[in-house]
């Protein structure tokens, strides 16, 4: 039951990413939340700070031609009744469903307000995937 809940949540999050739905992306996060990439932690103390990052991410995806995002839940464990550590493999695809990039992300989710929300994201996998394609985050390419 729990695995199915987490799997559905991750798939809905991927759908929001692929739809470039900034508000929808933000709805999946617990605020404050933390994203860590290559040892650099970014804290989202407010929804506005999270929104700015999600908006930049959507701009990046749009420039890359992302029109669809798939996700498959990997490993998951529940260390506490309201916490889950999990991994998920994401694949970004174009309007024709052709894969553009793929990566694995790692999350800590917390059960808050009757739903699972992202409290922590370890984002190295996505960063590395885009760099290998020659389009690192922050590039205008």
N, C-alpha and C. Protein backbone atom coordinates (compact mmCIF):
# COMPACT_ATOMS: atom_id res chain seq x y z
N UNK A 1 0.83 -1.20 0.00
CA UNK A 1 0.00 0.00 0.00
C UNK A 1 0.87 1.26 0.00
N UNK A 2 1.84 1.32 0.92
CA UNK A 2 2.71 2.49 1.00
C UNK A 2 3.50 2.66 -0.29
N UNK A 3 4.08 1.59 -0.80
CA UNK A 3 4.87 1.70 -2.03
C UNK A 3 4.02 2.26 -3.17
N UNK A 4 2.78 1.82 -3.28
CA UNK A 4 1.89 2.31 -4.33
C UNK A 4 1.63 3.80 -4.15
N UNK A 5 1.44 4.26 -2.92
CA UNK A 5 1.24 5.69 -2.65
C UNK A 5 2.45 6.50 -3.10
N UNK A 6 3.64 6.03 -2.75
CA UNK A 6 4.87 6.75 -3.12
C UNK A 6 5.06 6.72 -4.63
N UNK A 7 4.82 5.57 -5.23
CA UNK A 7 4.95 5.43 -6.68
C UNK A 7 4.02 6.40 -7.41
N UNK A 8 2.77 6.48 -6.97
CA UNK A 8 1.82 7.40 -7.59
C UNK A 8 2.24 8.85 -7.40
N UNK A 9 2.75 9.15 -6.23
CA UNK A 9 3.19 10.52 -5.94
C UNK A 9 4.36 10.92 -6.85
N UNK A 10 5.32 10.04 -7.00
CA UNK A 10 6.49 10.32 -7.85
C UNK A 10 6.05 10.46 -9.31
N UNK A 11 5.13 9.62 -9.76
CA UNK A 11 4.64 9.72 -11.14
C UNK A 11 3.91 11.05 -11.37
N UNK A 12 3.13 11.48 -10.40
CA UNK A 12 2.42 12.77 -10.54
C UNK A 12 3.42 13.93 -10.53
N UNK A 13 4.46 13.81 -9.73
CA UNK A 13 5.51 14.83 -9.71
C UNK A 13 6.19 14.90 -11.08
N UNK A 14 6.51 13.75 -11.65
CA UNK A 14 7.12 13.71 -12.97
C UNK A 14 6.19 14.36 -14.01
N UNK A 15 4.90 14.12 -13.89
CA UNK A 15 3.95 14.73 -14.83
C UNK A 15 3.97 16.24 -14.73
N UNK A 16 4.05 16.77 -13.51
CA UNK A 16 4.12 18.22 -13.32
C UNK A 16 5.42 18.77 -13.92
N UNK A 17 6.52 18.05 -13.75
CA UNK A 17 7.79 18.48 -14.34
C UNK A 17 7.69 18.52 -15.86
N UNK A 18 7.16 17.47 -16.45
CA UNK A 18 7.05 17.39 -17.89
C UNK A 18 6.09 18.40 -18.48
N UNK A 19 5.07 18.76 -17.71
CA UNK A 19 4.09 19.76 -18.16
C UNK A 19 4.60 21.18 -17.93
N UNK A 20 5.77 21.31 -17.33
CA UNK A 20 6.36 22.62 -17.00
C UNK A 20 5.41 23.41 -16.11
N UNK A 21 4.77 22.70 -15.19
CA UNK A 21 3.77 23.27 -14.29
C UNK A 21 4.45 23.71 -12.98
N UNK A 22 4.88 24.95 -12.95
CA UNK A 22 5.65 25.46 -11.81
C UNK A 22 4.84 25.36 -10.52
N UNK A 23 3.60 25.79 -10.53
CA UNK A 23 2.76 25.70 -9.33
C UNK A 23 2.60 24.25 -8.90
N UNK A 24 2.36 23.38 -9.88
CA UNK A 24 2.21 21.96 -9.58
C UNK A 24 3.46 21.36 -8.98
N UNK A 25 4.61 21.73 -9.50
CA UNK A 25 5.88 21.25 -8.94
C UNK A 25 6.00 21.68 -7.48
N UNK A 26 5.72 22.94 -7.23
CA UNK A 26 5.83 23.47 -5.86
C UNK A 26 4.89 22.74 -4.90
N UNK A 27 3.74 22.32 -5.38
CA UNK A 27 2.77 21.63 -4.52
C UNK A 27 3.30 20.32 -3.98
N UNK A 28 4.31 19.75 -4.62
CA UNK A 28 4.86 18.48 -4.17
C UNK A 28 5.91 18.64 -3.07
N UNK A 29 6.31 19.86 -2.81
CA UNK A 29 7.38 20.12 -1.85
C UNK A 29 6.85 20.53 -0.49
N UNK A 30 7.60 20.14 0.52
CA UNK A 30 7.41 20.62 1.87
C UNK A 30 8.28 21.86 2.03
N UNK A 31 7.73 22.92 2.54
CA UNK A 31 8.50 24.16 2.73
C UNK A 31 8.61 24.41 4.22
N UNK A 32 9.84 24.61 4.74
CA UNK A 32 11.08 24.67 3.99
C UNK A 32 11.51 23.28 3.50
N UNK A 33 12.21 23.29 2.37
CA UNK A 33 12.75 22.08 1.78
C UNK A 33 14.20 22.31 1.41
N UNK A 34 14.91 21.23 1.11
CA UNK A 34 16.33 21.33 0.80
C UNK A 34 16.64 20.50 -0.45
N UNK A 35 17.45 21.09 -1.32
CA UNK A 35 17.98 20.39 -2.49
C UNK A 35 19.50 20.42 -2.36
N UNK A 36 20.12 19.27 -2.53
CA UNK A 36 21.58 19.18 -2.45
C UNK A 36 22.11 18.65 -3.78
N UNK A 37 23.03 19.41 -4.38
CA UNK A 37 23.65 19.00 -5.63
C UNK A 37 25.15 19.18 -5.47
N UNK A 38 25.87 18.07 -5.58
CA UNK A 38 27.33 18.08 -5.47
C UNK A 38 27.82 18.78 -4.20
N UNK A 39 27.13 18.51 -3.12
CA UNK A 39 27.56 19.04 -1.83
C UNK A 39 27.14 20.46 -1.54
N UNK A 40 26.44 21.08 -2.47
CA UNK A 40 25.94 22.44 -2.24
C UNK A 40 24.45 22.34 -1.93
N UNK A 41 24.08 22.79 -0.75
CA UNK A 41 22.68 22.73 -0.32
C UNK A 41 21.97 24.03 -0.62
N UNK A 42 20.80 23.91 -1.22
CA UNK A 42 19.94 25.06 -1.45
C UNK A 42 18.70 24.86 -0.59
N UNK A 43 18.46 25.82 0.27
CA UNK A 43 17.30 25.75 1.17
C UNK A 43 16.20 26.63 0.60
N UNK A 44 15.01 26.08 0.56
CA UNK A 44 13.83 26.83 0.13
C UNK A 44 13.03 27.20 1.37
N UNK A 45 13.31 28.36 1.96
CA UNK A 45 12.63 28.73 3.20
C UNK A 45 11.18 29.15 2.98
N UNK A 46 10.86 29.55 1.75
CA UNK A 46 9.50 30.01 1.44
C UNK A 46 9.06 29.39 0.11
N UNK A 47 7.77 29.40 -0.12
CA UNK A 47 7.26 28.93 -1.41
C UNK A 47 7.79 29.80 -2.55
N UNK A 48 7.97 31.10 -2.31
CA UNK A 48 8.48 31.98 -3.36
C UNK A 48 9.89 31.58 -3.79
N UNK A 49 10.73 31.18 -2.83
CA UNK A 49 12.09 30.76 -3.20
C UNK A 49 12.05 29.45 -3.96
N UNK A 50 11.18 28.55 -3.58
CA UNK A 50 11.00 27.29 -4.30
C UNK A 50 10.46 27.56 -5.70
N UNK A 51 9.50 28.47 -5.80
CA UNK A 51 8.88 28.82 -7.08
C UNK A 51 9.93 29.34 -8.06
N UNK A 52 10.83 30.19 -7.58
CA UNK A 52 11.86 30.75 -8.46
C UNK A 52 12.75 29.65 -9.03
N UNK A 53 13.11 28.68 -8.23
CA UNK A 53 13.94 27.57 -8.70
C UNK A 53 13.16 26.68 -9.65
N UNK A 54 11.91 26.37 -9.32
CA UNK A 54 11.07 25.54 -10.20
C UNK A 54 10.84 26.23 -11.54
N UNK A 55 10.65 27.54 -11.51
CA UNK A 55 10.45 28.31 -12.74
C UNK A 55 11.70 28.25 -13.63
N UNK A 56 12.87 28.40 -13.02
CA UNK A 56 14.13 28.32 -13.77
C UNK A 56 14.31 26.91 -14.35
N UNK A 57 13.95 25.89 -13.59
CA UNK A 57 14.04 24.52 -14.07
C UNK A 57 13.13 24.31 -15.27
N UNK A 58 11.91 24.83 -15.19
CA UNK A 58 10.97 24.69 -16.31
C UNK A 58 11.47 25.43 -17.55
N UNK A 59 12.08 26.59 -17.37
CA UNK A 59 12.68 27.31 -18.50
C UNK A 59 13.77 26.47 -19.14
N UNK A 60 14.60 25.85 -18.31
CA UNK A 60 15.66 24.98 -18.80
C UNK A 60 15.08 23.82 -19.60
N UNK A 61 14.06 23.15 -19.04
CA UNK A 61 13.42 22.03 -19.73
C UNK A 61 12.82 22.47 -21.06
N UNK A 62 12.18 23.61 -21.06
CA UNK A 62 11.56 24.10 -22.29
C UNK A 62 12.61 24.34 -23.38
N UNK A 63 13.74 24.91 -23.01
CA UNK A 63 14.82 25.14 -23.98
C UNK A 63 15.38 23.82 -24.52
N UNK A 64 15.29 22.75 -23.74
CA UNK A 64 15.77 21.44 -24.16
C UNK A 64 14.73 20.66 -24.95
N UNK A 65 13.50 21.17 -25.03
CA UNK A 65 12.44 20.49 -25.76
C UNK A 65 11.69 19.45 -24.95
N UNK A 66 11.81 19.50 -23.63
CA UNK A 66 11.10 18.53 -22.77
C UNK A 66 9.60 18.82 -22.84
N UNK A 67 8.84 17.79 -23.16
CA UNK A 67 7.39 17.91 -23.21
C UNK A 67 6.70 16.85 -22.37
N UNK A 68 7.50 15.91 -21.87
CA UNK A 68 6.93 14.79 -21.11
C UNK A 68 8.00 14.24 -20.19
N UNK A 69 7.60 13.80 -19.02
CA UNK A 69 8.54 13.23 -18.06
C UNK A 69 7.94 11.94 -17.50
N UNK A 70 8.72 10.88 -17.51
CA UNK A 70 8.31 9.61 -16.92
C UNK A 70 9.16 9.36 -15.68
N UNK A 71 8.59 8.64 -14.71
CA UNK A 71 9.36 8.28 -13.51
C UNK A 71 8.98 6.87 -13.08
N UNK A 72 10.00 6.14 -12.64
CA UNK A 72 9.81 4.79 -12.11
C UNK A 72 10.44 4.76 -10.73
N UNK A 73 9.65 4.41 -9.75
CA UNK A 73 10.14 4.33 -8.37
C UNK A 73 11.13 3.18 -8.25
N UNK A 74 12.26 3.48 -7.62
CA UNK A 74 13.28 2.46 -7.36
C UNK A 74 13.14 1.95 -5.93
N UNK A 75 14.24 1.96 -5.23
CA UNK A 75 14.24 1.51 -3.84
C UNK A 75 13.51 2.50 -2.96
N UNK A 76 12.91 1.97 -1.91
CA UNK A 76 12.29 2.85 -0.92
C UNK A 76 12.33 2.15 0.44
N UNK A 77 12.47 2.96 1.47
CA UNK A 77 12.46 2.44 2.82
C UNK A 77 11.79 3.46 3.72
N UNK A 78 11.17 2.98 4.78
CA UNK A 78 10.43 3.85 5.70
C UNK A 78 11.10 3.81 7.07
N UNK A 79 12.01 4.76 7.36
CA UNK A 79 12.72 4.74 8.64
C UNK A 79 11.84 5.18 9.81
N UNK A 80 10.83 5.96 9.54
CA UNK A 80 9.88 6.44 10.55
C UNK A 80 8.47 6.39 9.96
N UNK A 81 7.45 6.38 10.76
CA UNK A 81 6.08 6.26 10.23
C UNK A 81 5.69 7.37 9.24
N UNK A 82 6.33 8.52 9.31
CA UNK A 82 5.95 9.62 8.41
C UNK A 82 7.09 10.02 7.48
N UNK A 83 8.06 9.12 7.25
CA UNK A 83 9.22 9.43 6.43
C UNK A 83 9.55 8.27 5.50
N UNK A 84 9.93 8.62 4.26
CA UNK A 84 10.36 7.62 3.29
C UNK A 84 11.60 8.13 2.59
N UNK A 85 12.60 7.26 2.48
CA UNK A 85 13.74 7.52 1.60
C UNK A 85 13.46 6.73 0.33
N UNK A 86 13.66 7.35 -0.81
CA UNK A 86 13.42 6.62 -2.05
C UNK A 86 14.29 7.15 -3.18
N UNK A 87 14.41 6.33 -4.20
CA UNK A 87 15.05 6.75 -5.44
C UNK A 87 14.03 6.58 -6.55
N UNK A 88 14.21 7.35 -7.60
CA UNK A 88 13.32 7.24 -8.76
C UNK A 88 14.14 7.54 -10.01
N UNK A 89 13.88 6.75 -11.05
CA UNK A 89 14.53 7.00 -12.33
C UNK A 89 13.59 7.86 -13.18
N UNK A 90 14.11 8.98 -13.67
CA UNK A 90 13.33 9.90 -14.49
C UNK A 90 13.84 9.85 -15.92
N UNK A 91 12.91 10.03 -16.85
CA UNK A 91 13.28 10.15 -18.25
C UNK A 91 12.51 11.32 -18.84
N UNK A 92 13.24 12.29 -19.37
CA UNK A 92 12.65 13.43 -20.05
C UNK A 92 12.51 13.07 -21.52
N UNK A 93 11.35 13.41 -22.11
CA UNK A 93 11.10 13.08 -23.50
C UNK A 93 10.56 14.30 -24.24
N UNK A 94 10.71 14.26 -25.56
CA UNK A 94 10.22 15.37 -26.38
C UNK A 94 8.74 15.17 -26.72
N UNK A 95 8.20 16.05 -27.52
CA UNK A 95 6.78 16.03 -27.85
C UNK A 95 6.36 14.73 -28.56
N UNK A 96 7.31 14.05 -29.21
CA UNK A 96 7.03 12.78 -29.88
C UNK A 96 7.28 11.58 -28.98
N UNK A 97 7.63 11.83 -27.71
CA UNK A 97 7.91 10.75 -26.78
C UNK A 97 9.30 10.18 -26.87
N UNK A 98 10.15 10.82 -27.66
CA UNK A 98 11.53 10.35 -27.79
C UNK A 98 12.36 10.81 -26.59
N UNK A 99 13.10 9.89 -25.98
CA UNK A 99 13.90 10.25 -24.81
C UNK A 99 14.94 11.32 -25.13
N UNK A 100 15.10 12.24 -24.18
CA UNK A 100 16.12 13.29 -24.29
C UNK A 100 17.23 13.02 -23.28
N UNK A 101 16.84 12.72 -22.07
CA UNK A 101 17.81 12.47 -20.99
C UNK A 101 17.16 11.60 -19.93
N UNK A 102 18.00 10.89 -19.18
CA UNK A 102 17.51 10.07 -18.08
C UNK A 102 18.47 10.13 -16.91
N UNK A 103 17.94 9.97 -15.69
CA UNK A 103 18.75 10.06 -14.48
C UNK A 103 18.00 9.47 -13.30
N UNK A 104 18.73 9.24 -12.22
CA UNK A 104 18.12 8.78 -10.98
C UNK A 104 18.26 9.88 -9.94
N UNK A 105 17.17 10.15 -9.25
CA UNK A 105 17.14 11.12 -8.14
C UNK A 105 16.89 10.37 -6.84
N UNK A 106 17.26 11.01 -5.75
CA UNK A 106 17.05 10.43 -4.42
C UNK A 106 16.32 11.46 -3.56
N UNK A 107 15.32 10.98 -2.82
CA UNK A 107 14.45 11.87 -2.06
C UNK A 107 14.25 11.39 -0.63
N UNK A 108 13.98 12.34 0.23
CA UNK A 108 13.36 12.07 1.52
C UNK A 108 11.98 12.71 1.45
N UNK A 109 10.96 11.91 1.64
CA UNK A 109 9.59 12.41 1.65
C UNK A 109 9.06 12.37 3.07
N UNK A 110 8.21 13.33 3.40
CA UNK A 110 7.54 13.36 4.70
C UNK A 110 6.04 13.38 4.47
N UNK A 111 5.30 12.71 5.34
CA UNK A 111 3.85 12.70 5.26
C UNK A 111 3.31 13.87 6.07
N UNK A 112 2.82 14.89 5.37
CA UNK A 112 2.35 16.13 5.99
C UNK A 112 1.04 16.53 5.32
N UNK A 113 0.08 16.95 6.12
CA UNK A 113 -1.22 17.37 5.59
C UNK A 113 -1.84 16.32 4.67
N UNK A 114 -1.77 15.08 5.12
CA UNK A 114 -2.38 13.95 4.41
C UNK A 114 -1.79 13.66 3.04
N UNK A 115 -0.53 14.00 2.83
CA UNK A 115 0.11 13.68 1.56
C UNK A 115 1.62 13.60 1.74
N UNK A 116 2.27 12.89 0.83
CA UNK A 116 3.73 12.77 0.84
C UNK A 116 4.34 13.94 0.11
N UNK A 117 5.27 14.63 0.76
CA UNK A 117 5.90 15.82 0.18
C UNK A 117 7.42 15.66 0.23
N UNK A 118 8.08 16.28 -0.75
CA UNK A 118 9.53 16.23 -0.83
C UNK A 118 10.11 17.18 0.22
N UNK A 119 10.90 16.62 1.13
CA UNK A 119 11.58 17.44 2.13
C UNK A 119 13.05 17.65 1.72
N UNK A 120 13.61 16.65 1.03
CA UNK A 120 15.02 16.71 0.65
C UNK A 120 15.20 16.01 -0.69
N UNK A 121 15.95 16.64 -1.57
CA UNK A 121 16.28 16.09 -2.88
C UNK A 121 17.78 16.07 -3.05
N UNK A 122 18.32 14.91 -3.42
CA UNK A 122 19.72 14.77 -3.78
C UNK A 122 19.74 14.74 -5.30
N UNK A 123 20.17 15.86 -5.92
CA UNK A 123 19.99 16.05 -7.35
C UNK A 123 21.20 15.87 -8.23
N UNK A 124 22.22 15.20 -7.77
CA UNK A 124 23.42 15.03 -8.56
C UNK A 124 23.16 14.30 -9.88
N UNK A 125 22.29 13.30 -9.85
CA UNK A 125 22.05 12.48 -11.04
C UNK A 125 21.56 13.28 -12.23
N UNK A 126 20.61 14.18 -12.00
CA UNK A 126 20.10 14.98 -13.11
C UNK A 126 21.16 15.95 -13.62
N UNK A 127 21.87 16.56 -12.71
CA UNK A 127 22.92 17.51 -13.10
C UNK A 127 23.95 16.83 -13.99
N UNK A 128 24.38 15.65 -13.61
CA UNK A 128 25.37 14.90 -14.38
C UNK A 128 24.80 14.51 -15.75
N UNK A 129 23.54 14.08 -15.79
CA UNK A 129 22.92 13.67 -17.06
C UNK A 129 22.91 14.80 -18.08
N UNK A 130 22.52 16.00 -17.64
CA UNK A 130 22.47 17.13 -18.56
C UNK A 130 23.88 17.57 -18.97
N UNK A 131 24.84 17.52 -18.05
CA UNK A 131 26.22 17.87 -18.40
C UNK A 131 26.77 16.94 -19.47
N UNK A 132 26.46 15.64 -19.38
CA UNK A 132 26.93 14.68 -20.37
C UNK A 132 26.38 14.99 -21.75
N UNK A 133 25.22 15.65 -21.80
CA UNK A 133 24.62 16.04 -23.08
C UNK A 133 25.12 17.40 -23.56
N UNK A 134 26.00 18.02 -22.77
CA UNK A 134 26.56 19.31 -23.15
C UNK A 134 25.66 20.49 -22.87
N UNK A 135 24.65 20.29 -22.03
CA UNK A 135 23.72 21.38 -21.71
C UNK A 135 23.55 21.47 -20.19
N UNK A 136 24.60 21.90 -19.49
CA UNK A 136 24.50 21.98 -18.03
C UNK A 136 23.48 23.01 -17.59
N UNK A 137 22.94 22.78 -16.40
CA UNK A 137 22.00 23.76 -15.82
C UNK A 137 22.64 25.14 -15.83
N UNK A 138 21.84 26.13 -16.11
CA UNK A 138 22.33 27.50 -16.12
C UNK A 138 22.89 27.93 -17.47
N UNK A 139 23.02 26.96 -18.39
CA UNK A 139 23.54 27.34 -19.71
C UNK A 139 22.39 27.82 -20.58
N UNK A 140 22.70 28.71 -21.48
CA UNK A 140 21.70 29.22 -22.40
C UNK A 140 21.53 28.36 -23.63
N UNK A 141 22.26 27.25 -23.67
CA UNK A 141 22.22 26.36 -24.84
C UNK A 141 20.86 25.74 -25.04
